[in-house]
Amino acid sequence: MFVSRKLNQDLQVREAKPAIVSQQCVVYQFKCNLCDAGYVGYTCEHLHERVDGHKRKASSIYKHYKIEHNALVPKNLISQFRQMQEQV
């Protein structure tokens, strides 16, 4: 007897992503890991997409690392972001 595998068994996500990655339409805060600089922004995208945008040359975060630290944006940039709590 042949039993086929389910498609989702072959396509399962191998790496667990932090909960913040799946957030969208959020106010977020960035904190530089090399100094006290910070940045607050808002995005309607998924936060991980916005973080990828901050790795590009036009981004203020990219420019901060380049100018202030003469360094490249860290590969684990997402770890320096957090979702801001809503104030009611």
PDB file of N, CA and C in Angstrom:
ATOM      1  N   MET A   1       0.837  -1.168   0.000  1.00  0.00           N
ATOM      2  CA  MET A   1       0.000   0.000   0.000  1.00  0.00           C
ATOM      3  C   MET A   1       0.891   1.243   0.000  1.00  0.00           C
ATOM      4  N   PHE A   2       0.579   2.188  -0.878  1.00  0.00           N
ATOM      5  CA  PHE A   2       1.344   3.431  -0.987  1.00  0.00           C
ATOM      6  C   PHE A   2       0.589   4.545  -0.279  1.00  0.00           C
ATOM      7  N   VAL A   3       1.292   5.254   0.593  1.00  0.00           N
ATOM      8  CA  VAL A   3       0.707   6.394   1.285  1.00  0.00           C
ATOM      9  C   VAL A   3       1.512   7.625   0.888  1.00  0.00           C
ATOM     10  N   SER A   4       0.833   8.599   0.294  1.00  0.00           N
ATOM     11  CA  SER A   4       1.536   9.802  -0.147  1.00  0.00           C
ATOM     12  C   SER A   4       1.760  10.754   1.020  1.00  0.00           C
ATOM     13  N   ARG A   5       2.838  11.499   0.906  1.00  0.00           N
ATOM     14  CA  ARG A   5       3.144  12.504   1.917  1.00  0.00           C
ATOM     15  C   ARG A   5       2.298  13.749   1.652  1.00  0.00           C
ATOM     16  N   LYS A   6       1.978  14.444   2.678  1.00  0.00           N
ATOM     17  CA  LYS A   6       1.247  15.691   2.541  1.00  0.00           C
ATOM     18  C   LYS A   6       2.213  16.778   2.060  1.00  0.00           C
ATOM     19  N   LEU A   7       1.703  17.667   1.245  1.00  0.00           N
ATOM     20  CA  LEU A   7       2.521  18.743   0.701  1.00  0.00           C
ATOM     21  C   LEU A   7       3.126  19.601   1.808  1.00  0.00           C
ATOM     22  N   ASN A   8       2.360  19.845   2.876  1.00  0.00           N
ATOM     23  CA  ASN A   8       2.884  20.689   3.951  1.00  0.00           C
ATOM     24  C   ASN A   8       4.051  20.030   4.693  1.00  0.00           C
ATOM     25  N   GLN A   9       4.214  18.707   4.585  1.00  0.00           N
ATOM     26  CA  GLN A   9       5.367  18.052   5.180  1.00  0.00           C
ATOM     27  C   GLN A   9       6.645  18.431   4.430  1.00  0.00           C
ATOM     28  N   ASP A  10       6.529  18.649   3.130  1.00  0.00           N
ATOM     29  CA  ASP A  10       7.683  19.021   2.324  1.00  0.00           C
ATOM     30  C   ASP A  10       7.989  20.510   2.385  1.00  0.00           C
ATOM     31  N   LEU A  11       6.987  21.321   2.685  1.00  0.00           N
ATOM     32  CA  LEU A  11       7.152  22.773   2.629  1.00  0.00           C
ATOM     33  C   LEU A  11       7.154  23.443   3.994  1.00  0.00           C
ATOM     34  N   GLN A  12       7.424  22.707   5.035  1.00  0.00           N
ATOM     35  CA  GLN A  12       7.421  23.300   6.359  1.00  0.00           C
ATOM     36  C   GLN A  12       8.570  24.294   6.509  1.00  0.00           C
ATOM     37  N   VAL A  13       8.313  25.347   7.252  1.00  0.00           N
ATOM     38  CA  VAL A  13       9.345  26.330   7.542  1.00  0.00           C
ATOM     39  C   VAL A  13      10.367  25.685   8.468  1.00  0.00           C
ATOM     40  N   ARG A  14      11.612  25.764   8.088  1.00  0.00           N
ATOM     41  CA  ARG A  14      12.676  25.110   8.854  1.00  0.00           C
ATOM     42  C   ARG A  14      13.178  25.975  10.013  1.00  0.00           C
ATOM     43  N   GLU A  15      13.085  27.279   9.851  1.00  0.00           N
ATOM     44  CA  GLU A  15      13.625  28.196  10.851  1.00  0.00           C
ATOM     45  C   GLU A  15      12.477  28.928  11.541  1.00  0.00           C
ATOM     46  N   ALA A  16      12.445  28.860  12.848  1.00  0.00           N
ATOM     47  CA  ALA A  16      11.411  29.589  13.593  1.00  0.00           C
ATOM     48  C   ALA A  16      11.752  31.068  13.566  1.00  0.00           C
ATOM     49  N   LYS A  17      10.789  31.894  13.199  1.00  0.00           N
ATOM     50  CA  LYS A  17      11.010  33.337  13.130  1.00  0.00           C
ATOM     51  C   LYS A  17      10.467  33.984  14.385  1.00  0.00           C
ATOM     52  N   PRO A  18      11.139  35.044  14.850  1.00  0.00           N
ATOM     53  CA  PRO A  18      10.611  35.743  16.018  1.00  0.00           C
ATOM     54  C   PRO A  18       9.217  36.301  15.736  1.00  0.00           C
ATOM     55  N   ALA A  19       8.397  36.420  16.761  1.00  0.00           N
ATOM     56  CA  ALA A  19       7.021  36.893  16.583  1.00  0.00           C
ATOM     57  C   ALA A  19       6.964  38.268  15.931  1.00  0.00           C
ATOM     58  N   ILE A  20       7.950  39.102  16.189  1.00  0.00           N
ATOM     59  CA  ILE A  20       7.942  40.459  15.637  1.00  0.00           C
ATOM     60  C   ILE A  20       8.006  40.453  14.112  1.00  0.00           C
ATOM     61  N   VAL A  21       8.545  39.419  13.534  1.00  0.00           N
ATOM     62  CA  VAL A  21       8.713  39.347  12.079  1.00  0.00           C
ATOM     63  C   VAL A  21       7.375  39.363  11.357  1.00  0.00           C
ATOM     64  N   SER A  22       6.365  38.737  11.931  1.00  0.00           N
ATOM     65  CA  SER A  22       5.081  38.632  11.246  1.00  0.00           C
ATOM     66  C   SER A  22       4.153  39.813  11.515  1.00  0.00           C
ATOM     67  N   GLN A  23       4.589  40.781  12.301  1.00  0.00           N
ATOM     68  CA  GLN A  23       3.758  41.939  12.601  1.00  0.00           C
ATOM     69  C   GLN A  23       3.668  42.860  11.389  1.00  0.00           C
ATOM     70  N   GLN A  24       2.503  43.463  11.188  1.00  0.00           N
ATOM     71  CA  GLN A  24       2.359  44.478  10.151  1.00  0.00           C
ATOM     72  C   GLN A  24       1.460  45.589  10.666  1.00  0.00           C
ATOM     73  N   CYS A  25       1.540  46.770  10.019  1.00  0.00           N
ATOM     74  CA  CYS A  25       0.843  47.973  10.470  1.00  0.00           C
ATOM     75  C   CYS A  25       1.198  48.277  11.930  1.00  0.00           C
ATOM     76  N   VAL A  26       2.485  48.509  12.159  1.00  0.00           N
ATOM     77  CA  VAL A  26       2.971  48.740  13.512  1.00  0.00           C
ATOM     78  C   VAL A  26       3.882  49.967  13.569  1.00  0.00           C
ATOM     79  N   VAL A  27       3.942  50.544  14.759  1.00  0.00           N
ATOM     80  CA  VAL A  27       4.964  51.524  15.081  1.00  0.00           C
ATOM     81  C   VAL A  27       6.101  50.719  15.687  1.00  0.00           C
ATOM     82  N   TYR A  28       7.312  50.979  15.219  1.00  0.00           N
ATOM     83  CA  TYR A  28       8.451  50.196  15.682  1.00  0.00           C
ATOM     84  C   TYR A  28       9.588  51.105  16.104  1.00  0.00           C
ATOM     85  N   GLN A  29      10.467  50.559  16.926  1.00  0.00           N
ATOM     86  CA  GLN A  29      11.631  51.294  17.389  1.00  0.00           C
ATOM     87  C   GLN A  29      12.882  50.502  17.050  1.00  0.00           C
ATOM     88  N   PHE A  30      13.886  51.210  16.563  1.00  0.00           N
ATOM     89  CA  PHE A  30      15.196  50.637  16.299  1.00  0.00           C
ATOM     90  C   PHE A  30      16.168  51.215  17.312  1.00  0.00           C
ATOM     91  N   LYS A  31      17.030  50.382  17.856  1.00  0.00           N
ATOM     92  CA  LYS A  31      18.076  50.822  18.779  1.00  0.00           C
ATOM     93  C   LYS A  31      19.390  50.293  18.264  1.00  0.00           C
ATOM     94  N   CYS A  32      20.332  51.199  17.949  1.00  0.00           N
ATOM     95  CA  CYS A  32      21.644  50.821  17.439  1.00  0.00           C
ATOM     96  C   CYS A  32      22.378  49.984  18.488  1.00  0.00           C
ATOM     97  N   ASN A  33      23.019  48.914  18.039  1.00  0.00           N
ATOM     98  CA  ASN A  33      23.756  48.051  18.965  1.00  0.00           C
ATOM     99  C   ASN A  33      25.164  48.573  19.247  1.00  0.00           C
ATOM    100  N   LEU A  34      25.568  49.657  18.583  1.00  0.00           N
ATOM    101  CA  LEU A  34      26.919  50.197  18.768  1.00  0.00           C
ATOM    102  C   LEU A  34      26.944  51.536  19.505  1.00  0.00           C
ATOM    103  N   CYS A  35      25.784  52.175  19.653  1.00  0.00           N
ATOM    104  CA  CYS A  35      25.709  53.461  20.361  1.00  0.00           C
ATOM    105  C   CYS A  35      24.284  53.644  20.878  1.00  0.00           C
ATOM    106  N   ASP A  36      23.981  54.840  21.364  1.00  0.00           N
ATOM    107  CA  ASP A  36      22.653  55.113  21.929  1.00  0.00           C
ATOM    108  C   ASP A  36      21.644  55.630  20.913  1.00  0.00           C
ATOM    109  N   ALA A  37      21.999  55.628  19.639  1.00  0.00           N
ATOM    110  CA  ALA A  37      21.093  56.152  18.612  1.00  0.00           C
ATOM    111  C   ALA A  37      19.847  55.283  18.494  1.00  0.00           C
ATOM    112  N   GLY A  38      18.735  55.923  18.183  1.00  0.00           N
ATOM    113  CA  GLY A  38      17.482  55.213  18.008  1.00  0.00           C
ATOM    114  C   GLY A  38      16.681  55.807  16.859  1.00  0.00           C
ATOM    115  N   TYR A  39      15.670  55.093  16.446  1.00  0.00           N
ATOM    116  CA  TYR A  39      14.828  55.508  15.329  1.00  0.00           C
ATOM    117  C   TYR A  39      13.450  54.936  15.582  1.00  0.00           C
ATOM    118  N   VAL A  40      12.419  55.747  15.385  1.00  0.00           N
ATOM    119  CA  VAL A  40      11.039  55.277  15.507  1.00  0.00           C
ATOM    120  C   VAL A  40      10.381  55.457  14.147  1.00  0.00           C
ATOM    121  N   GLY A  41       9.684  54.422  13.696  1.00  0.00           N
ATOM    122  CA  GLY A  41       9.019  54.485  12.405  1.00  0.00           C
ATOM    123  C   GLY A  41       7.678  53.773  12.434  1.00  0.00           C
ATOM    124  N   TYR A  42       6.959  53.874  11.326  1.00  0.00           N
ATOM    125  CA  TYR A  42       5.672  53.209  11.171  1.00  0.00           C
ATOM    126  C   TYR A  42       5.665  52.526   9.818  1.00  0.00           C
ATOM    127  N   THR A  43       5.089  51.330   9.774  1.00  0.00           N
ATOM    128  CA  THR A  43       4.977  50.626   8.507  1.00  0.00           C
ATOM    129  C   THR A  43       3.651  49.890   8.417  1.00  0.00           C
ATOM    130  N   CYS A  44       3.117  49.833   7.211  1.00  0.00           N
ATOM    131  CA  CYS A  44       1.935  49.004   6.944  1.00  0.00           C
ATOM    132  C   CYS A  44       2.363  47.647   6.389  1.00  0.00           C
ATOM    133  N   GLU A  45       3.643  47.522   6.065  1.00  0.00           N
ATOM    134  CA  GLU A  45       4.171  46.245   5.569  1.00  0.00           C
ATOM    135  C   GLU A  45       4.389  45.308   6.750  1.00  0.00           C
ATOM    136  N   HIS A  46       4.766  44.074   6.424  1.00  0.00           N
ATOM    137  CA  HIS A  46       5.270  43.201   7.480  1.00  0.00           C
ATOM    138  C   HIS A  46       6.575  43.805   7.949  1.00  0.00           C
ATOM    139  N   LEU A  47       6.833  43.746   9.233  1.00  0.00           N
ATOM    140  CA  LEU A  47       8.010  44.395   9.787  1.00  0.00           C
ATOM    141  C   LEU A  47       9.297  43.850   9.178  1.00  0.00           C
ATOM    142  N   HIS A  48       9.356  42.561   8.887  1.00  0.00           N
ATOM    143  CA  HIS A  48      10.584  42.002   8.312  1.00  0.00           C
ATOM    144  C   HIS A  48      10.867  42.612   6.942  1.00  0.00           C
ATOM    145  N   GLU A  49       9.825  42.979   6.189  1.00  0.00           N
ATOM    146  CA  GLU A  49      10.030  43.641   4.900  1.00  0.00           C
ATOM    147  C   GLU A  49      10.589  45.044   5.102  1.00  0.00           C
ATOM    148  N   ARG A  50      10.099  45.735   6.119  1.00  0.00           N
ATOM    149  CA  ARG A  50      10.597  47.088   6.394  1.00  0.00           C
ATOM    150  C   ARG A  50      12.045  47.041   6.867  1.00  0.00           C
ATOM    151  N   VAL A  51      12.370  46.056   7.688  1.00  0.00           N
ATOM    152  CA  VAL A  51      13.749  45.904   8.156  1.00  0.00           C
ATOM    153  C   VAL A  51      14.663  45.664   6.964  1.00  0.00           C
ATOM    154  N   ASP A  52      14.233  44.851   6.010  1.00  0.00           N
ATOM    155  CA  ASP A  52      15.024  44.647   4.789  1.00  0.00           C
ATOM    156  C   ASP A  52      15.233  45.969   4.058  1.00  0.00           C
ATOM    157  N   GLY A  53      14.231  46.839   4.072  1.00  0.00           N
ATOM    158  CA  GLY A  53      14.359  48.154   3.457  1.00  0.00           C
ATOM    159  C   GLY A  53      15.415  49.011   4.146  1.00  0.00           C
ATOM    160  N   HIS A  54      15.569  48.829   5.450  1.00  0.00           N
ATOM    161  CA  HIS A  54      16.565  49.591   6.194  1.00  0.00           C
ATOM    162  C   HIS A  54      17.988  49.108   5.912  1.00  0.00           C
ATOM    163  N   LYS A  55      18.140  48.016   5.199  1.00  0.00           N
ATOM    164  CA  LYS A  55      19.466  47.515   4.824  1.00  0.00           C
ATOM    165  C   LYS A  55      19.950  48.152   3.523  1.00  0.00           C
ATOM    166  N   ARG A  56      19.090  48.938   2.876  1.00  0.00           N
ATOM    167  CA  ARG A  56      19.445  49.569   1.597  1.00  0.00           C
ATOM    168  C   ARG A  56      20.132  50.915   1.825  1.00  0.00           C
ATOM    169  N   LYS A  57      20.910  51.342   0.839  1.00  0.00           N
ATOM    170  CA  LYS A  57      21.734  52.547   0.958  1.00  0.00           C
ATOM    171  C   LYS A  57      20.948  53.821   1.225  1.00  0.00           C
ATOM    172  N   ALA A  58      19.707  53.906   0.799  1.00  0.00           N
ATOM    173  CA  ALA A  58      18.909  55.120   0.987  1.00  0.00           C
ATOM    174  C   ALA A  58      18.345  55.251   2.400  1.00  0.00           C
ATOM    175  N   SER A  59      18.423  54.212   3.190  1.00  0.00           N
ATOM    176  CA  SER A  59      17.837  54.200   4.524  1.00  0.00           C
ATOM    177  C   SER A  59      18.672  55.006   5.518  1.00  0.00           C
ATOM    178  N   SER A  60      17.990  55.670   6.435  1.00  0.00           N
ATOM    179  CA  SER A  60      18.696  56.419   7.478  1.00  0.00           C
ATOM    180  C   SER A  60      19.471  55.487   8.410  1.00  0.00           C
ATOM    181  N   ILE A  61      18.989  54.290   8.612  1.00  0.00           N
ATOM    182  CA  ILE A  61      19.699  53.327   9.461  1.00  0.00           C
ATOM    183  C   ILE A  61      20.974  52.857   8.773  1.00  0.00           C
ATOM    184  N   TYR A  62      20.888  52.568   7.474  1.00  0.00           N
ATOM    185  CA  TYR A  62      22.079  52.201   6.708  1.00  0.00           C
ATOM    186  C   TYR A  62      23.109  53.324   6.789  1.00  0.00           C
ATOM    187  N   LYS A  63      22.661  54.570   6.570  1.00  0.00           N
ATOM    188  CA  LYS A  63      23.561  55.727   6.599  1.00  0.00           C
ATOM    189  C   LYS A  63      24.180  55.913   7.978  1.00  0.00           C
ATOM    190  N   HIS A  64      23.405  55.645   9.021  1.00  0.00           N
ATOM    191  CA  HIS A  64      23.928  55.762  10.389  1.00  0.00           C
ATOM    192  C   HIS A  64      25.111  54.821  10.583  1.00  0.00           C
ATOM    193  N   TYR A  65      24.955  53.554  10.219  1.00  0.00           N
ATOM    194  CA  TYR A  65      26.055  52.592  10.380  1.00  0.00           C
ATOM    195  C   TYR A  65      27.270  53.005   9.549  1.00  0.00           C
ATOM    196  N   LYS A  66      27.026  53.459   8.337  1.00  0.00           N
ATOM    197  CA  LYS A  66      28.117  53.830   7.430  1.00  0.00           C
ATOM    198  C   LYS A  66      28.864  55.068   7.936  1.00  0.00           C
ATOM    199  N   ILE A  67      28.130  56.124   8.313  1.00  0.00           N
ATOM    200  CA  ILE A  67      28.750  57.392   8.693  1.00  0.00           C
ATOM    201  C   ILE A  67      29.293  57.369  10.127  1.00  0.00           C
ATOM    202  N   GLU A  68      28.468  56.925  11.061  1.00  0.00           N
ATOM    203  CA  GLU A  68      28.859  56.992  12.480  1.00  0.00           C
ATOM    204  C   GLU A  68      29.816  55.885  12.908  1.00  0.00           C
ATOM    205  N   HIS A  69      29.710  54.720  12.290  1.00  0.00           N
ATOM    206  CA  HIS A  69      30.504  53.577  12.748  1.00  0.00           C
ATOM    207  C   HIS A  69      31.423  53.003  11.671  1.00  0.00           C
ATOM    208  N   ASN A  70      31.362  53.559  10.443  1.00  0.00           N
ATOM    209  CA  ASN A  70      32.135  53.036   9.318  1.00  0.00           C
ATOM    210  C   ASN A  70      31.977  51.515   9.234  1.00  0.00           C
ATOM    211  N   ALA A  71      30.736  51.074   9.344  1.00  0.00           N
ATOM    212  CA  ALA A  71      30.437  49.646   9.378  1.00  0.00           C
ATOM    213  C   ALA A  71      29.246  49.338   8.481  1.00  0.00           C
ATOM    214  N   LEU A  72      29.118  48.078   8.136  1.00  0.00           N
ATOM    215  CA  LEU A  72      27.955  47.620   7.392  1.00  0.00           C
ATOM    216  C   LEU A  72      26.815  47.342   8.361  1.00  0.00           C
ATOM    217  N   VAL A  73      25.609  47.366   7.852  1.00  0.00           N
ATOM    218  CA  VAL A  73      24.440  47.018   8.654  1.00  0.00           C
ATOM    219  C   VAL A  73      24.579  45.546   9.073  1.00  0.00           C
ATOM    220  N   PRO A  74      24.374  45.233  10.359  1.00  0.00           N
ATOM    221  CA  PRO A  74      24.508  43.839  10.813  1.00  0.00           C
ATOM    222  C   PRO A  74      23.509  42.910  10.129  1.00  0.00           C
ATOM    223  N   LYS A  75      23.913  41.677   9.922  1.00  0.00           N
ATOM    224  CA  LYS A  75      23.030  40.688   9.290  1.00  0.00           C
ATOM    225  C   LYS A  75      21.798  40.413  10.142  1.00  0.00           C
ATOM    226  N   ASN A  76      21.933  40.476  11.456  1.00  0.00           N
ATOM    227  CA  ASN A  76      20.804  40.214  12.359  1.00  0.00           C
ATOM    228  C   ASN A  76      20.122  41.513  12.780  1.00  0.00           C
ATOM    229  N   LEU A  77      19.933  42.429  11.839  1.00  0.00           N
ATOM    230  CA  LEU A  77      19.357  43.740  12.125  1.00  0.00           C
ATOM    231  C   LEU A  77      17.997  43.630  12.818  1.00  0.00           C
ATOM    232  N   ILE A  78      17.213  42.620  12.498  1.00  0.00           N
ATOM    233  CA  ILE A  78      15.878  42.455  13.087  1.00  0.00           C
ATOM    234  C   ILE A  78      15.935  42.402  14.613  1.00  0.00           C
ATOM    235  N   SER A  79      17.058  41.956  15.173  1.00  0.00           N
ATOM    236  CA  SER A  79      17.160  41.841  16.630  1.00  0.00           C
ATOM    237  C   SER A  79      17.215  43.205  17.317  1.00  0.00           C
ATOM    238  N   GLN A  80      17.445  44.275  16.565  1.00  0.00           N
ATOM    239  CA  GLN A  80      17.501  45.609  17.140  1.00  0.00           C
ATOM    240  C   GLN A  80      16.172  46.366  16.994  1.00  0.00           C
ATOM    241  N   PHE A  81      15.137  45.688  16.558  1.00  0.00           N
ATOM    242  CA  PHE A  81      13.818  46.295  16.402  1.00  0.00           C
ATOM    243  C   PHE A  81      12.859  45.737  17.439  1.00  0.00           C
ATOM    244  N   ARG A  82      11.927  46.589  17.854  1.00  0.00           N
ATOM    245  CA  ARG A  82      10.842  46.111  18.716  1.00  0.00           C
ATOM    246  C   ARG A  82       9.595  46.901  18.385  1.00  0.00           C
ATOM    247  N   GLN A  83       8.475  46.264  18.586  1.00  0.00           N
ATOM    248  CA  GLN A  83       7.192  46.923  18.349  1.00  0.00           C
ATOM    249  C   GLN A  83       6.879  47.810  19.531  1.00  0.00           C
ATOM    250  N   MET A  84       6.457  49.028  19.241  1.00  0.00           N
ATOM    251  CA  MET A  84       6.077  49.964  20.297  1.00  0.00           C
ATOM    252  C   MET A  84       4.677  49.596  20.792  1.00  0.00           C
ATOM    253  N   GLN A  85       4.441  49.769  22.070  1.00  0.00           N
ATOM    254  CA  GLN A  85       3.139  49.501  22.660  1.00  0.00           C
ATOM    255  C   GLN A  85       2.189  50.653  22.332  1.00  0.00           C
ATOM    256  N   GLU A  86       0.945  50.322  22.048  1.00  0.00           N
ATOM    257  CA  GLU A  86      -0.050  51.355  21.766  1.00  0.00           C
ATOM    258  C   GLU A  86      -0.399  52.095  23.044  1.00  0.00           C
ATOM    259  N   GLN A  87      -0.489  53.413  22.948  1.00  0.00           N
ATOM    260  CA  GLN A  87      -0.910  54.241  24.074  1.00  0.00           C
ATOM    261  C   GLN A  87      -2.381  54.580  23.879  1.00  0.00           C
ATOM    262  N   VAL A  88      -3.206  54.330  24.884  1.00  0.00           N
ATOM    263  CA  VAL A  88      -4.628  54.592  24.761  1.00  0.00           C
ATOM    264  C   VAL A  88      -5.018  55.804  25.570  1.00  0.00           C
TER     265      VAL A  88
END
